[in-house]
Structure formats: C-alpha cells, structure tokens
Amino acid sequence: MAQIPFSDPPWLQGLPSAHFTDSHRKWQATIQPLIQRLLHDQAVEWEQAETVPAHVFADFAAANLLVASLPAPLPVAWLKRVGIHELPGGLRVEDFDTMHNFIFGDEMVRSGLVGPGGSLTTGFAFGIPPIIKFGDRQLQERFLPELLTGKKRCCIAITEPDAGSDVAGVTTAAVRSECGKFYVVNGTKKWITNGIWSDYATMAVRTGPSGSGAAGLSLLVVPLKGHPGVMMRRLKVGGQISAGTTYIELDDVRVPVENLIGEEGHGMRYIMTNFNHERLAVAVGATRQARVALSSVFAYVLKREAFGKPLMDQTVVRHRLAKAGALLESQSAWAEQFAFLMTKLSREDADRELGGLTALLKAQAGMVLKECADVAVLLFGGNGYTRSGQGMIAEMIYRDVPGARIPGGSEDVMLDLAVRQLVKLYQAKTKAIKAAEAAKI
C-alpha cells in the first residue's frame, strides 16, 4: 500500500539520500518493529494512563536500546566493560554515529507522542554524558556500570522555579561541610523529566557565592530516591504527561565530595557541551510529531466528505496542507543535515560551528510542529478537539507542542541566542583572517 504523503521523510520512502548509508538503513529496519512492539503498540494507552510501566525501561535496557540515546561516539570502552558490544541488528558500538542516534530519536516518536519514549531516554541521554565526559575515574567506577546497563536510573536536574533558560541563574546551593567530606545541598529543582523514577540526578548547583553567575556553577551526582532530605512529587503538565515531570526539594542533602563532576566552577561549560545533542534530539522528536499530525489529517481529508464532496477537493484544505507540508519537509531536511554534519565534525568543531544554528533548529522545529498541529486540529474539526476517536492523536500532539517550544531552551531565548552566536562566530573568524593576513606581511 502506498504511503500517505508526509508520513515519512524521502529516504524512508525509497528515494535516494546522500546522508544515510546501508548501515543506517539496516539500523532503521531493525529497530522500527522492535520499538513498535516494546513501546508504540501501547504508547497511547500509557500516555493516557500518565505512566509507562517500569518493565518497559528494563525491556529497553535488555535489548541494548537505551544506549542509542547517548551522543555519538558512544563510550565504547565502558560499554564493552559492562558487556554491551553490539546494539540491535548487530551494530557494533564503535560503529554507532550521530545518524544512528538521529534514526533512533525519530523512531522513538513514531507513535506521535513524545512522553512515552521520553520517560525512558531523557534522563539517560542527558544525565549520563557529563559523567562520561568529565567525571574522574572513581566517579565513573561507582556510577557508570549500573547506569549504562539500566540497573539504576539518572536524570538531568538544572531547571529551577526561577531559573529556566537562564542557567546562570541557578540558586540551589552546595556548601562544603565542616568536616570537608560532603556538600550540603539546599534548593529546589522543577520540571525535571524522569526525576520521579531516578536514583540519581546530574545536578547543577551553586558552589560559588550568590550572584557569581555562570562562574559559580558546578555539577554534582546527587542521590534522589530514598535519600535523606530529598522530596519529590509529580507535576501535572499539559502534554508529555507520561515522561514523569518532577518537582524536587533538597533540604540539607549530604552528598559526598567525590560526587563532584570534574572541577568546581566548571559546571556551565560542562552543561553547554550537552546542548547540541539535546537540541537536535528535541528537533528530531518535534519533526516526527509534525509528520504524524500532518499525515494523519491528510488521510482523514481524503475520505471525509463535507458539502457533497471530499474535504481534499476544497481549495482551502489543500492550501493549508501545502503550506504546512513545505515547512515540514524543509525542517526535516535541515535536521538530517545537522545530524550528518555532527558525524563529520569533531565535537569541538561541532560545538563551535553549530552551537548557534542548533539553537535555531530547535526553535524552528517547535514552530513547524505548532503549524502542523494547528492544521491537523482545524481540518479534523470537532474530532481534533476530542480526546477519543479518529482525531485523538491530533488533540494529543497539540497538547505536546509547548513541550517542544519551552524545554531545552525556550523559543525566544533560542532565536536570540542563535543570532548572537552567529555574530560571535563571524567576528572571531574575521579577526583570525585579519591576523593571518597581517602575519604574511
């Protein structure tokens, strides 16, 4: 049966692509039915129930699928040490690249819902990398074996009630105890995805004096579940409900000083190295959601009749689909390009060259999702405003839209950051060119 227009990117409709190799195509063909069985067959049910059963996380861990949410290249030595040599389909961990990660992120949202997949991978994808990249040997030895195998769970805890996109505004304080063996942590974290199920948090804390801004931030591995002084509760949010958004209170929480990630005062730099991976992940998920919304309503208007003919025969309907589809395909191609560039650039070069543009990619993904979700709800009509029936998926995706536009850097902040970063990069390159020319004279 022919695919509904906009339901998949061109490379998954049999068309040629310069970005995807045979390895990538085999990976996609392997994981799509696996993720469908483990997650998507019941994703809508679990999102409506507001929680994904705990066994699903264990199922993904057993299938070696959780590690596919990590940024490439994977921590090969650590994975092999804990017994993970291959991912599904025989993909060797040393052969995993950003395009494989891109495909995994896309397939995790094929149901059209971010919450169920996010409940499994958000903490894994963003909470573990700082330990891998910046943790010393003893820290890695204590935490990575159980985290990488899914025996324990981790989240990333940065956002606070008064510090969201402004990370430098974090006020949760970590003060060394008189004996020097502990940090005593006090403060609150809010909107922490996966927090309620997490054994640990990779947490941004202020080790410098109040008002010291980014220079006073550090990262700590903070014990959560059952740890004295830690209180957690689920937050009721509009969309992505099953992802486990959490409010965390910390009251004189004692954390061993050995849980410091890297060096004191370097937390902001460590956090920033997560941004390209995080923002690309958000963009990929939002783009797949936009596909599901638009293709679902495309199928609907082909069969739905009004005023004596199919809705597709109405010029205004075709016009709405065309505008949204053009935005969607442009966004999809741009996201593929970013993933491809990240396979070819070193991490240092990618952070420098793509930082601003990745912020723009993430912001644009949210805007495209909003347009496609709007079109889906409007063309489904009353069915798109109902939490059951044939337009239900459009209604569910519509509620997810703010989850793409706010977390990971809110839209307006991302737009401004993108231009500021591009100006900074341009000025740095101009200065370097002038210096090189002067050296030749």
Protein backbone atom coordinates (compact mmCIF):
# COMPACT_ATOMS: atom_id res chain seq x y z
CA MET A 1 0.00 0.00 0.00
CA ALA A 2 1.29 3.47 -0.89
CA GLN A 3 2.36 5.71 1.99
CA ILE A 4 0.26 8.70 2.96
CA PRO A 5 2.06 11.90 1.88
CA PHE A 6 4.25 13.45 4.60
CA SER A 7 4.15 10.27 6.71
CA ASP A 8 7.88 9.60 6.29
CA PRO A 9 10.94 11.53 5.07
CA PRO A 10 12.01 10.86 1.47
CA TRP A 11 14.81 8.44 2.44
CA LEU A 12 12.22 6.15 4.10
CA GLN A 13 10.02 6.24 1.01
CA GLY A 14 12.63 4.54 -1.17
CA LEU A 15 14.22 7.72 -2.50
CA PRO A 16 18.00 8.19 -2.61
CA SER A 17 19.85 10.06 0.11
CA ALA A 18 23.39 11.37 0.46
CA HIS A 19 23.21 11.13 4.26
CA PHE A 20 22.11 7.58 5.00
CA THR A 21 24.31 4.54 4.38
CA ASP A 22 23.44 0.86 4.25
CA SER A 23 24.32 0.68 7.94
CA HIS A 24 21.79 3.38 8.75
CA ARG A 25 19.09 1.73 6.65
CA LYS A 26 19.70 -1.65 8.30
CA TRP A 27 19.56 0.01 11.74
CA GLN A 28 16.23 1.66 10.96
CA ALA A 29 14.74 -1.55 9.57
CA THR A 30 15.86 -3.42 12.70
CA ILE A 31 14.71 -1.03 15.40
CA GLN A 32 11.38 0.09 13.92
CA PRO A 33 9.49 -3.17 14.59
CA LEU A 34 11.33 -3.66 17.89
CA ILE A 35 10.34 -0.23 19.22
CA GLN A 36 6.84 -0.70 17.84
CA ARG A 37 6.45 -3.88 19.89
CA LEU A 38 8.14 -2.65 23.06
CA LEU A 39 6.63 0.85 23.10
CA HIS A 40 4.32 2.12 20.39
CA ASP A 41 1.72 -0.64 20.46
CA GLN A 42 0.65 0.71 23.85
CA ALA A 43 2.04 4.27 23.76
CA VAL A 44 -1.35 5.98 23.57
CA GLU A 45 -2.71 3.85 26.40
CA TRP A 46 0.31 4.61 28.59
CA GLU A 47 0.19 8.33 27.85
CA GLN A 48 -3.48 8.38 28.82
CA ALA A 49 -2.64 6.45 32.00
CA GLU A 50 0.10 9.05 32.57
CA THR A 51 2.82 6.46 33.31
CA VAL A 52 4.83 3.93 31.33
CA PRO A 53 5.17 0.64 33.30
CA ALA A 54 8.58 0.10 34.90
CA HIS A 55 9.18 -3.11 32.95
CA VAL A 56 9.43 -1.13 29.69
CA PHE A 57 12.63 0.56 30.85
CA ALA A 58 14.01 -2.87 31.74
CA ASP A 59 12.93 -4.23 28.34
CA PHE A 60 14.79 -1.44 26.53
CA ALA A 61 17.87 -1.99 28.68
CA ALA A 62 17.81 -5.74 27.97
CA ALA A 63 17.61 -5.01 24.22
CA ASN A 64 20.63 -2.64 24.46
CA LEU A 65 18.42 0.14 23.12
CA LEU A 66 18.85 2.72 25.88
CA VAL A 67 22.46 3.43 24.93
CA ALA A 68 21.28 4.51 21.48
CA SER A 69 20.01 7.70 23.12
CA LEU A 70 23.56 8.74 24.07
CA PRO A 71 25.50 11.15 21.86
CA ALA A 72 27.94 9.65 19.39
CA PRO A 73 30.61 8.45 19.61
CA LEU A 74 29.50 6.06 22.32
CA PRO A 75 31.70 5.35 25.37
CA VAL A 76 32.96 2.16 23.74
CA ALA A 77 35.40 1.06 26.43
CA TRP A 78 32.81 1.40 29.19
CA LEU A 79 30.08 -0.30 27.19
CA LYS A 80 32.28 -3.28 26.41
CA ARG A 81 33.36 -3.45 30.03
CA VAL A 82 29.71 -3.84 31.14
CA GLY A 83 29.02 -6.39 28.42
CA ILE A 84 27.45 -4.25 25.72
CA HIS A 85 29.32 -4.94 22.49
CA GLU A 86 26.51 -4.62 19.94
CA LEU A 87 23.19 -2.88 19.52
CA PRO A 88 20.18 -4.49 17.79
CA GLY A 89 20.86 -5.72 14.29
CA GLY A 90 24.49 -6.44 15.06
CA LEU A 91 25.53 -2.76 15.02
CA ARG A 92 28.88 -2.59 16.82
CA VAL A 93 29.05 0.11 19.49
CA GLU A 94 32.19 1.52 17.86
CA ASP A 95 30.32 1.97 14.55
CA PHE A 96 27.44 3.97 16.05
CA ASP A 97 27.34 7.56 14.77
CA THR A 98 25.06 10.60 15.04
CA MET A 99 22.96 9.41 12.10
CA HIS A 100 22.18 6.19 14.00
CA ASN A 101 21.23 8.32 17.01
CA PHE A 102 19.10 10.53 14.75
CA ILE A 103 17.21 7.48 13.44
CA PHE A 104 16.68 6.17 16.96
CA GLY A 105 15.24 9.51 18.09
CA ASP A 106 12.91 9.59 15.11
CA GLU A 107 11.68 6.04 15.65
CA MET A 108 11.04 6.67 19.36
CA VAL A 109 8.37 9.22 18.40
CA ARG A 110 6.76 7.30 15.54
CA SER A 111 3.55 6.99 17.61
CA GLY A 112 3.30 10.79 17.50
CA LEU A 113 3.81 11.05 21.27
CA VAL A 114 6.98 12.24 22.99
CA GLY A 115 6.02 11.34 26.55
CA PRO A 116 6.25 7.52 26.44
CA GLY A 117 9.66 7.47 24.75
CA GLY A 118 10.88 10.42 26.81
CA SER A 119 10.04 8.56 30.00
CA LEU A 120 12.72 6.02 29.04
CA THR A 121 15.51 8.02 27.47
CA THR A 122 15.55 11.67 28.57
CA GLY A 123 17.48 11.13 31.79
CA PHE A 124 19.70 8.52 30.14
CA ALA A 125 20.50 10.74 27.16
CA PHE A 126 21.33 13.91 29.09
CA GLY A 127 22.12 12.84 32.66
CA ILE A 128 24.83 10.28 31.93
CA PRO A 129 27.04 12.09 29.34
CA PRO A 130 28.56 14.62 31.80
CA ILE A 131 29.72 11.71 33.99
CA ILE A 132 31.27 10.03 30.94
CA LYS A 133 32.90 13.17 29.59
CA PHE A 134 34.04 14.93 32.77
CA GLY A 135 33.80 12.55 35.72
CA ASP A 136 37.03 11.24 37.22
CA ARG A 137 37.80 7.54 37.36
CA GLN A 138 36.38 6.83 40.80
CA LEU A 139 33.11 8.60 39.94
CA GLN A 140 32.72 6.62 36.75
CA GLU A 141 33.57 3.37 38.53
CA ARG A 142 30.84 3.97 41.11
CA PHE A 143 28.04 5.01 38.79
CA LEU A 144 28.51 4.03 35.14
CA PRO A 145 28.20 0.23 35.40
CA GLU A 146 24.67 0.40 36.84
CA LEU A 147 23.58 3.44 34.81
CA LEU A 148 24.72 2.15 31.41
CA THR A 149 23.04 -1.23 31.96
CA GLY A 150 19.78 0.30 33.21
CA LYS A 151 20.02 -1.17 36.71
CA LYS A 152 19.83 2.38 38.08
CA ARG A 153 18.26 5.49 36.59
CA CYS A 154 19.53 9.05 36.27
CA CYS A 155 18.06 12.41 35.31
CA ILE A 156 19.47 15.82 34.44
CA ALA A 157 18.41 18.44 37.00
CA ILE A 158 19.18 22.01 36.00
CA THR A 159 15.92 23.97 35.83
CA GLU A 160 14.55 25.71 38.92
CA PRO A 161 11.35 27.68 39.61
CA ASP A 162 13.26 30.93 38.90
CA ALA A 163 15.99 29.63 36.59
CA GLY A 164 14.92 28.01 33.34
CA SER A 165 16.60 29.03 30.10
CA ASP A 166 18.80 31.34 32.21
CA VAL A 167 21.02 28.56 33.54
CA ALA A 168 23.40 31.05 35.16
CA GLY A 169 20.54 31.99 37.50
CA VAL A 170 20.61 28.62 39.34
CA THR A 171 20.46 29.18 43.11
CA THR A 172 20.45 25.63 44.54
CA ALA A 173 23.45 25.84 46.86
CA ALA A 174 26.08 23.19 47.59
CA VAL A 175 28.24 24.16 50.56
CA ARG A 176 31.09 22.03 51.87
CA SER A 177 30.51 20.60 55.35
CA GLU A 178 32.85 21.49 58.21
CA CYS A 179 34.44 18.04 58.01
CA GLY A 180 35.10 18.59 54.31
CA LYS A 181 33.68 15.22 53.30
CA PHE A 182 30.29 16.37 51.98
CA TYR A 183 28.47 19.01 50.03
CA VAL A 184 25.31 20.09 51.84
CA VAL A 185 22.74 20.86 49.15
CA ASN A 186 19.69 23.09 49.61
CA GLY A 187 17.26 24.29 46.97
CA THR A 188 14.60 23.21 44.52
CA LYS A 189 14.53 21.80 41.00
CA LYS A 190 11.42 21.97 38.83
CA TRP A 191 10.19 20.44 35.58
CA ILE A 192 12.75 17.63 35.85
CA THR A 193 11.90 14.93 33.31
CA ASN A 194 12.17 11.35 34.67
CA GLY A 195 13.03 12.69 38.12
CA ILE A 196 10.39 10.72 39.98
CA TRP A 197 11.95 7.39 38.92
CA SER A 198 15.59 8.40 39.18
CA ASP A 199 18.11 7.06 41.65
CA TYR A 200 20.48 9.93 40.89
CA ALA A 201 20.49 13.38 39.30
CA THR A 202 23.29 15.06 37.44
CA MET A 203 22.52 18.36 39.12
CA ALA A 204 23.59 21.96 38.53
CA VAL A 205 24.43 23.56 41.87
CA ARG A 206 25.99 26.79 43.04
CA THR A 207 29.31 26.18 44.75
CA GLY A 208 30.43 29.78 44.31
CA PRO A 209 28.99 32.77 46.17
CA SER A 210 25.49 34.01 45.48
CA GLY A 211 25.43 36.24 42.43
CA SER A 212 28.57 34.70 40.93
CA GLY A 213 26.64 33.72 37.79
CA ALA A 214 27.96 31.03 35.48
CA ALA A 215 31.39 31.09 37.16
CA GLY A 216 29.90 29.74 40.40
CA LEU A 217 28.17 26.68 38.94
CA SER A 218 29.25 23.07 39.38
CA LEU A 219 27.80 19.65 38.58
CA LEU A 220 27.16 17.02 41.25
CA VAL A 221 25.78 13.49 41.14
CA VAL A 222 23.04 13.81 43.78
CA PRO A 223 21.27 10.73 45.19
CA LEU A 224 17.49 11.02 44.93
CA LYS A 225 15.17 8.09 45.63
CA GLY A 226 15.04 7.37 49.35
CA HIS A 227 17.92 9.70 50.18
CA PRO A 228 17.56 11.79 53.38
CA GLY A 229 16.43 15.34 52.73
CA VAL A 230 15.16 14.68 49.19
CA MET A 231 11.44 15.10 48.49
CA MET A 232 9.97 14.52 45.03
CA ARG A 233 6.49 14.81 43.55
CA ARG A 234 5.00 14.53 40.07
CA LEU A 235 3.94 17.73 38.35
CA LYS A 236 0.73 17.88 36.34
CA VAL A 237 1.66 19.22 32.92
CA GLY A 238 -0.34 19.77 29.75
CA GLY A 239 1.46 17.31 27.46
CA GLN A 240 4.15 14.62 27.55
CA ILE A 241 2.48 13.54 30.77
CA SER A 242 3.96 10.06 30.94
CA ALA A 243 7.52 11.43 30.88
CA GLY A 244 7.42 11.95 34.64
CA THR A 245 7.91 15.70 35.10
CA THR A 246 9.04 16.19 38.69
CA TYR A 247 9.47 18.80 41.42
CA ILE A 248 12.48 18.13 43.66
CA GLU A 249 13.12 19.73 47.05
CA LEU A 250 16.53 19.40 48.69
CA ASP A 251 16.82 20.10 52.42
CA ASP A 252 20.33 19.73 53.84
CA VAL A 253 21.07 16.85 51.48
CA ARG A 254 24.54 15.47 52.18
CA VAL A 255 26.42 14.47 49.05
CA PRO A 256 29.97 13.04 49.14
CA VAL A 257 32.53 15.45 47.72
CA GLU A 258 33.65 12.57 45.49
CA ASN A 259 30.36 13.06 43.59
CA LEU A 260 31.63 16.29 42.04
CA ILE A 261 31.75 16.02 38.25
CA GLY A 262 35.02 17.48 37.03
CA GLU A 263 36.08 20.67 38.78
CA GLU A 264 34.24 23.21 40.87
CA GLY A 265 33.12 26.27 38.92
CA HIS A 266 33.18 24.50 35.54
CA GLY A 267 29.54 23.40 35.58
CA MET A 268 28.33 25.85 32.97
CA ARG A 269 30.94 24.68 30.47
CA TYR A 270 30.01 21.06 31.09
CA ILE A 271 26.30 21.81 30.68
CA MET A 272 26.91 23.60 27.39
CA THR A 273 28.53 20.51 25.85
CA ASN A 274 25.15 18.78 26.15
CA PHE A 275 23.32 21.44 24.15
CA ASN A 276 23.91 20.28 20.56
CA HIS A 277 22.82 16.74 21.40
CA GLU A 278 19.82 17.89 23.44
CA ARG A 279 18.55 20.44 20.93
CA LEU A 280 18.97 18.10 17.98
CA ALA A 281 17.06 15.44 19.93
CA VAL A 282 14.18 17.85 20.60
CA ALA A 283 14.14 18.91 16.94
CA VAL A 284 14.06 15.31 15.71
CA GLY A 285 11.17 14.39 18.01
CA ALA A 286 9.19 17.50 17.15
CA THR A 287 9.68 16.89 13.43
CA ARG A 288 8.36 13.33 13.71
CA GLN A 289 5.37 14.60 15.72
CA ALA A 290 4.67 17.11 12.96
CA ARG A 291 4.76 14.26 10.42
CA VAL A 292 2.29 12.20 12.40
CA ALA A 293 -0.07 15.15 12.82
CA LEU A 294 0.00 16.20 9.17
CA SER A 295 -0.13 12.72 7.63
CA SER A 296 -2.98 11.69 9.95
CA VAL A 297 -5.14 14.59 8.86
CA PHE A 298 -4.08 14.11 5.22
CA ALA A 299 -5.55 10.60 5.35
CA TYR A 300 -8.67 11.96 7.05
CA VAL A 301 -9.47 14.67 4.49
CA LEU A 302 -9.12 12.15 1.67
CA LYS A 303 -12.16 10.25 2.99
CA ARG A 304 -14.14 12.86 4.97
CA GLU A 305 -16.94 14.47 2.97
CA ALA A 306 -18.50 17.87 3.52
CA PHE A 307 -20.78 19.91 1.25
CA GLY A 308 -21.17 16.88 -1.00
CA LYS A 309 -17.51 16.17 -1.74
CA PRO A 310 -14.29 15.05 0.00
CA LEU A 311 -12.57 17.71 2.05
CA MET A 312 -9.50 17.23 -0.14
CA ASP A 313 -11.45 18.76 -3.01
CA GLN A 314 -11.68 22.04 -1.09
CA THR A 315 -9.02 24.51 -2.26
CA VAL A 316 -8.52 25.95 1.23
CA VAL A 317 -7.81 22.46 2.62
CA ARG A 318 -5.15 21.76 0.00
CA HIS A 319 -3.65 25.19 0.65
CA ARG A 320 -3.31 24.50 4.39
CA LEU A 321 -1.73 21.10 3.76
CA ALA A 322 0.69 22.55 1.21
CA LYS A 323 1.92 25.34 3.50
CA ALA A 324 2.41 23.01 6.46
CA GLY A 325 4.00 20.33 4.29
CA ALA A 326 6.54 22.74 2.82
CA LEU A 327 7.60 23.80 6.31
CA LEU A 328 7.76 20.20 7.47
CA GLU A 329 9.92 18.90 4.64
CA SER A 330 12.29 21.86 4.92
CA GLN A 331 12.66 21.28 8.66
CA SER A 332 13.17 17.56 8.14
CA ALA A 333 15.95 18.09 5.61
CA TRP A 334 17.64 20.65 7.85
CA ALA A 335 17.60 18.25 10.82
CA GLU A 336 19.12 15.50 8.65
CA GLN A 337 21.83 17.91 7.57
CA PHE A 338 22.69 18.73 11.19
CA ALA A 339 22.98 15.06 12.12
CA PHE A 340 25.19 14.47 9.09
CA LEU A 341 27.45 17.39 9.98
CA MET A 342 27.82 16.08 13.50
CA THR A 343 29.07 12.76 12.12
CA LYS A 344 31.78 14.57 10.16
CA LEU A 345 32.91 17.25 12.62
CA SER A 346 34.87 16.74 15.81
CA ARG A 347 32.92 17.50 18.96
CA GLU A 348 34.96 20.68 19.46
CA ASP A 349 34.33 21.87 15.90
CA ALA A 350 30.62 20.98 16.10
CA ASP A 351 30.22 22.93 19.34
CA ARG A 352 31.88 25.96 17.77
CA GLU A 353 30.32 25.86 14.30
CA LEU A 354 26.84 24.54 15.07
CA GLY A 355 26.01 25.86 18.54
CA GLY A 356 24.01 28.86 17.36
CA LEU A 357 22.41 27.08 14.43
CA THR A 358 21.37 24.13 16.58
CA ALA A 359 19.50 26.57 18.82
CA LEU A 360 17.79 27.89 15.70
CA LEU A 361 17.00 24.37 14.53
CA LYS A 362 15.36 23.56 17.85
CA ALA A 363 13.31 26.78 17.81
CA GLN A 364 12.23 26.23 14.20
CA ALA A 365 11.18 22.65 14.99
CA GLY A 366 8.76 23.93 17.61
CA MET A 367 7.28 26.47 15.22
CA VAL A 368 6.85 23.88 12.47
CA LEU A 369 5.22 21.47 14.93
CA LYS A 370 2.82 24.20 16.01
CA GLU A 371 1.79 24.86 12.39
CA CYS A 372 1.27 21.18 11.60
CA ALA A 373 -0.63 20.56 14.84
CA ASP A 374 -2.83 23.60 14.16
CA VAL A 375 -3.63 22.37 10.67
CA ALA A 376 -4.39 18.87 11.94
CA VAL A 377 -6.78 20.06 14.65
CA LEU A 378 -8.53 22.51 12.32
CA LEU A 379 -9.03 20.01 9.49
CA PHE A 380 -10.12 17.24 11.84
CA GLY A 381 -12.68 19.73 13.11
CA GLY A 382 -14.58 18.56 16.17
CA ASN A 383 -12.74 15.23 16.00
CA GLY A 384 -9.46 17.10 16.51
CA TYR A 385 -10.79 18.67 19.70
CA THR A 386 -11.87 15.36 21.21
CA ARG A 387 -9.79 13.09 23.45
CA SER A 388 -11.04 9.95 21.73
CA GLY A 389 -11.85 8.70 18.25
CA GLN A 390 -10.20 9.29 14.91
CA GLY A 391 -8.87 12.77 15.66
CA MET A 392 -7.49 11.86 19.09
CA ILE A 393 -3.85 11.81 18.00
CA ALA A 394 -4.10 15.39 16.71
CA GLU A 395 -5.51 16.54 20.04
CA MET A 396 -2.73 14.75 21.95
CA ILE A 397 0.02 16.17 19.75
CA TYR A 398 -1.49 19.66 20.06
CA ARG A 399 -1.06 19.47 23.83
CA ASP A 400 2.56 18.38 23.35
CA VAL A 401 3.51 21.47 21.33
CA PRO A 402 4.65 23.64 24.29
CA GLY A 403 6.89 20.76 25.36
CA ALA A 404 8.91 21.32 22.18
CA ARG A 405 8.88 25.11 22.36
CA ILE A 406 9.81 25.65 26.02
CA PRO A 407 12.13 22.93 27.47
CA GLY A 408 15.73 22.71 26.31
CA GLY A 409 15.81 26.48 25.91
CA SER A 410 12.60 28.40 25.27
CA GLU A 411 11.86 29.51 21.74
CA ASP A 412 12.52 33.24 22.11
CA VAL A 413 15.75 32.61 24.00
CA MET A 414 16.90 30.19 21.29
CA LEU A 415 16.16 32.66 18.49
CA ASP A 416 18.13 35.39 20.22
CA LEU A 417 20.95 33.03 21.18
CA ALA A 418 21.26 31.78 17.61
CA VAL A 419 21.91 35.23 16.17
CA ARG A 420 24.25 36.24 18.99
CA GLN A 421 26.28 33.07 18.49
CA LEU A 422 26.43 33.60 14.73
CA VAL A 423 27.67 37.17 15.25
CA LYS A 424 30.28 35.97 17.74
CA LEU A 425 31.48 33.26 15.35
CA TYR A 426 31.62 35.70 12.44
CA GLN A 427 33.64 38.19 14.46
CA ALA A 428 36.06 35.51 15.65
CA LYS A 429 36.65 34.26 12.11
CA THR A 430 37.09 37.80 10.78
CA LYS A 431 39.66 38.51 13.48
CA ALA A 432 41.51 35.28 12.70
CA ILE A 433 41.61 36.08 8.96
CA LYS A 434 42.97 39.58 9.62
CA ALA A 435 45.59 38.18 11.97
CA ALA A 436 46.65 35.62 9.36
CA GLU A 437 46.89 38.31 6.68
CA ALA A 438 48.94 40.54 8.96
CA ALA A 439 51.33 37.68 9.69
CA LYS A 440 52.07 37.33 5.96
CA ILE A 441 53.11 40.95 5.62
